Amino acid sequence: MSRRTERVNELLREEISDLLRTDLRDPRIGGLVTVTHVDVSPDLRRASAYVSVLGTAEERESTMRALRHARPFLRRELSRRVSLRYTPELEFRSDVSMERAQEMTDLMRETARDRGEAL
């Protein structure tokens, strides 16, 4: 991955996060929503935004539907905020790595408690 691609990934992650926090008002978005990272294609025409939603499975699915529905709005707002030749088409993907990490931590604590150890 080139340095330019890395910079664009980080810029898009920050801007999408800000848009979700300040401009997107959709009641279907539930739980705590975090854009964990963004991967742009080498030609910078497509971007996959990985989103973590801390909440129930229903909140996660509802939030992902709302984000897919808001793609045109988010792309338009991105085009106003960032100076790129092409504003990438957005795709949102669910990132469950934080939830899995929490599950692993809980499992380790439970195992340690069963052994009589402290974590």
C-alpha atoms as a PDB file:
ATOM      1  CA  MET A   1       0.000   0.000   0.000  1.00  0.00           C
ATOM      2  CA  SER A   2       1.419   3.356  -0.984  1.00  0.00           C
ATOM      3  CA  ARG A   3       1.869   6.234   1.393  1.00  0.00           C
ATOM      4  CA  ARG A   4      -0.729   8.246  -0.540  1.00  0.00           C
ATOM      5  CA  THR A   5      -3.291   5.447  -0.172  1.00  0.00           C
ATOM      6  CA  GLU A   6      -2.608   5.278   3.555  1.00  0.00           C
ATOM      7  CA  ARG A   7      -3.121   9.047   3.888  1.00  0.00           C
ATOM      8  CA  VAL A   8      -6.382   8.890   1.906  1.00  0.00           C
ATOM      9  CA  ASN A   9      -7.568   5.950   4.051  1.00  0.00           C
ATOM     10  CA  GLU A  10      -6.971   7.938   7.234  1.00  0.00           C
ATOM     11  CA  LEU A  11      -8.500  11.138   5.826  1.00  0.00           C
ATOM     12  CA  LEU A  12     -11.663   9.305   4.741  1.00  0.00           C
ATOM     13  CA  ARG A  13     -11.924   7.515   8.094  1.00  0.00           C
ATOM     14  CA  GLU A  14     -11.755  10.817   9.965  1.00  0.00           C
ATOM     15  CA  GLU A  15     -14.223  12.583   7.677  1.00  0.00           C
ATOM     16  CA  ILE A  16     -16.746   9.727   7.620  1.00  0.00           C
ATOM     17  CA  SER A  17     -16.536   9.489  11.421  1.00  0.00           C
ATOM     18  CA  ASP A  18     -17.173  13.212  11.714  1.00  0.00           C
ATOM     19  CA  LEU A  19     -20.104  13.052   9.287  1.00  0.00           C
ATOM     20  CA  LEU A  20     -21.680  10.182  11.236  1.00  0.00           C
ATOM     21  CA  ARG A  21     -21.245  12.036  14.500  1.00  0.00           C
ATOM     22  CA  THR A  22     -22.398  15.501  13.398  1.00  0.00           C
ATOM     23  CA  ASP A  23     -24.473  15.417  10.196  1.00  0.00           C
ATOM     24  CA  LEU A  24     -26.225  12.074   9.884  1.00  0.00           C
ATOM     25  CA  ARG A  25     -29.516  12.053  11.747  1.00  0.00           C
ATOM     26  CA  ASP A  26     -31.152   8.685  11.247  1.00  0.00           C
ATOM     27  CA  PRO A  27     -33.155   7.016  14.020  1.00  0.00           C
ATOM     28  CA  ARG A  28     -32.140   3.587  12.689  1.00  0.00           C
ATOM     29  CA  ILE A  29     -28.576   4.182  13.828  1.00  0.00           C
ATOM     30  CA  GLY A  30     -28.313   2.609  17.263  1.00  0.00           C
ATOM     31  CA  GLY A  31     -25.564   1.717  19.659  1.00  0.00           C
ATOM     32  CA  LEU A  32     -22.075   3.185  19.616  1.00  0.00           C
ATOM     33  CA  VAL A  33     -20.888   3.509  15.994  1.00  0.00           C
ATOM     34  CA  THR A  34     -17.165   3.684  15.198  1.00  0.00           C
ATOM     35  CA  VAL A  35     -15.419   3.714  11.825  1.00  0.00           C
ATOM     36  CA  THR A  36     -12.467   1.449  12.566  1.00  0.00           C
ATOM     37  CA  HIS A  37     -10.681   1.802   9.237  1.00  0.00           C
ATOM     38  CA  VAL A  38     -11.152   2.528   5.561  1.00  0.00           C
ATOM     39  CA  ASP A  39      -9.598   0.756   2.570  1.00  0.00           C
ATOM     40  CA  VAL A  40      -9.586   2.582  -0.754  1.00  0.00           C
ATOM     41  CA  SER A  41      -8.982   0.830  -4.047  1.00  0.00           C
ATOM     42  CA  PRO A  42      -5.675   1.578  -5.831  1.00  0.00           C
ATOM     43  CA  ASP A  43      -7.466   3.877  -8.305  1.00  0.00           C
ATOM     44  CA  LEU A  44      -9.191   5.694  -5.372  1.00  0.00           C
ATOM     45  CA  ARG A  45     -12.619   5.186  -6.924  1.00  0.00           C
ATOM     46  CA  ARG A  46     -14.044   2.823  -4.281  1.00  0.00           C
ATOM     47  CA  ALA A  47     -13.704   2.754  -0.519  1.00  0.00           C
ATOM     48  CA  SER A  48     -14.723   0.144   2.020  1.00  0.00           C
ATOM     49  CA  ALA A  49     -15.452   1.624   5.436  1.00  0.00           C
ATOM     50  CA  TYR A  50     -15.359  -0.862   8.288  1.00  0.00           C
ATOM     51  CA  VAL A  51     -17.862   0.065  10.984  1.00  0.00           C
ATOM     52  CA  SER A  52     -18.088  -1.315  14.493  1.00  0.00           C
ATOM     53  CA  VAL A  53     -21.467  -1.066  16.194  1.00  0.00           C
ATOM     54  CA  LEU A  54     -21.512  -1.828  19.896  1.00  0.00           C
ATOM     55  CA  GLY A  55     -25.037  -2.890  20.676  1.00  0.00           C
ATOM     56  CA  THR A  56     -27.417  -5.700  19.929  1.00  0.00           C
ATOM     57  CA  ALA A  57     -27.427  -7.652  16.679  1.00  0.00           C
ATOM     58  CA  GLU A  58     -30.660  -5.873  15.757  1.00  0.00           C
ATOM     59  CA  GLU A  59     -29.031  -2.448  16.310  1.00  0.00           C
ATOM     60  CA  ARG A  60     -26.041  -3.529  14.218  1.00  0.00           C
ATOM     61  CA  GLU A  61     -28.213  -4.624  11.289  1.00  0.00           C
ATOM     62  CA  SER A  62     -30.400  -1.523  11.505  1.00  0.00           C
ATOM     63  CA  THR A  63     -27.327   0.720  11.560  1.00  0.00           C
ATOM     64  CA  MET A  64     -25.792  -1.028   8.554  1.00  0.00           C
ATOM     65  CA  ARG A  65     -29.051  -0.586   6.603  1.00  0.00           C
ATOM     66  CA  ALA A  66     -29.127   3.101   7.518  1.00  0.00           C
ATOM     67  CA  LEU A  67     -25.509   3.553   6.415  1.00  0.00           C
ATOM     68  CA  ARG A  68     -26.148   1.836   3.084  1.00  0.00           C
ATOM     69  CA  HIS A  69     -29.152   4.104   2.599  1.00  0.00           C
ATOM     70  CA  ALA A  70     -27.079   7.212   3.440  1.00  0.00           C
ATOM     71  CA  ARG A  71     -24.247   6.459   0.983  1.00  0.00           C
ATOM     72  CA  PRO A  72     -25.248   9.133  -1.591  1.00  0.00           C
ATOM     73  CA  PHE A  73     -25.506  11.807   1.126  1.00  0.00           C
ATOM     74  CA  LEU A  74     -22.183  10.804   2.677  1.00  0.00           C
ATOM     75  CA  ARG A  75     -20.422  10.752  -0.699  1.00  0.00           C
ATOM     76  CA  ARG A  76     -21.769  14.195  -1.566  1.00  0.00           C
ATOM     77  CA  GLU A  77     -20.626  15.586   1.777  1.00  0.00           C
ATOM     78  CA  LEU A  78     -17.213  13.953   1.376  1.00  0.00           C
ATOM     79  CA  SER A  79     -16.825  15.594  -2.030  1.00  0.00           C
ATOM     80  CA  ARG A  80     -17.349  18.980  -0.332  1.00  0.00           C
ATOM     81  CA  ARG A  81     -14.871  18.241   2.463  1.00  0.00           C
ATOM     82  CA  VAL A  82     -11.948  16.523   0.746  1.00  0.00           C
ATOM     83  CA  SER A  83      -9.921  17.540  -2.277  1.00  0.00           C
ATOM     84  CA  LEU A  84      -9.669  14.417  -4.373  1.00  0.00           C
ATOM     85  CA  ARG A  85     -10.026  14.076  -8.108  1.00  0.00           C
ATOM     86  CA  TYR A  86     -12.686  11.411  -7.583  1.00  0.00           C
ATOM     87  CA  THR A  87     -14.828  11.002  -4.527  1.00  0.00           C
ATOM     88  CA  PRO A  88     -14.903   7.258  -3.932  1.00  0.00           C
ATOM     89  CA  GLU A  89     -18.054   5.150  -3.977  1.00  0.00           C
ATOM     90  CA  LEU A  90     -18.632   4.032  -0.402  1.00  0.00           C
ATOM     91  CA  GLU A  91     -19.316   0.549   0.835  1.00  0.00           C
ATOM     92  CA  PHE A  92     -19.926  -0.155   4.497  1.00  0.00           C
ATOM     93  CA  ARG A  93     -18.832  -3.409   6.116  1.00  0.00           C
ATOM     94  CA  SER A  94     -19.527  -4.585   9.609  1.00  0.00           C
ATOM     95  CA  ASP A  95     -16.406  -4.915  11.758  1.00  0.00           C
ATOM     96  CA  VAL A  96     -16.971  -7.249  14.698  1.00  0.00           C
ATOM     97  CA  SER A  97     -13.336  -7.414  15.844  1.00  0.00           C
ATOM     98  CA  MET A  98     -13.987  -5.256  18.939  1.00  0.00           C
ATOM     99  CA  GLU A  99     -16.838  -7.497  20.017  1.00  0.00           C
ATOM    100  CA  ARG A 100     -14.724 -10.595  19.482  1.00  0.00           C
ATOM    101  CA  ALA A 101     -11.921  -9.048  21.532  1.00  0.00           C
ATOM    102  CA  GLN A 102     -14.393  -8.369  24.360  1.00  0.00           C
ATOM    103  CA  GLU A 103     -15.653 -11.951  24.170  1.00  0.00           C
ATOM    104  CA  MET A 104     -12.075 -13.246  24.391  1.00  0.00           C
ATOM    105  CA  THR A 105     -11.342 -10.991  27.373  1.00  0.00           C
ATOM    106  CA  ASP A 106     -14.484 -12.219  29.126  1.00  0.00           C
ATOM    107  CA  LEU A 107     -13.528 -15.813  28.409  1.00  0.00           C
ATOM    108  CA  MET A 108     -10.000 -15.271  29.770  1.00  0.00           C
ATOM    109  CA  ARG A 109     -11.399 -13.668  32.925  1.00  0.00           C
ATOM    110  CA  GLU A 110     -13.827 -16.537  33.413  1.00  0.00           C
ATOM    111  CA  THR A 111     -11.045 -19.096  32.943  1.00  0.00           C
ATOM    112  CA  ALA A 112      -8.765 -17.225  35.353  1.00  0.00           C
ATOM    113  CA  ARG A 113     -11.596 -17.003  37.916  1.00  0.00           C
ATOM    114  CA  ASP A 114     -12.198 -20.749  37.619  1.00  0.00           C
ATOM    115  CA  ARG A 115      -8.498 -21.371  38.234  1.00  0.00           C
ATOM    116  CA  GLY A 116      -8.432 -18.948  41.159  1.00  0.00           C
ATOM    117  CA  GLU A 117      -6.069 -16.534  39.404  1.00  0.00           C
ATOM    118  CA  ALA A 118      -6.495 -12.793  39.006  1.00  0.00           C
ATOM    119  CA  LEU A 119      -6.330 -10.919  35.683  1.00  0.00           C
END
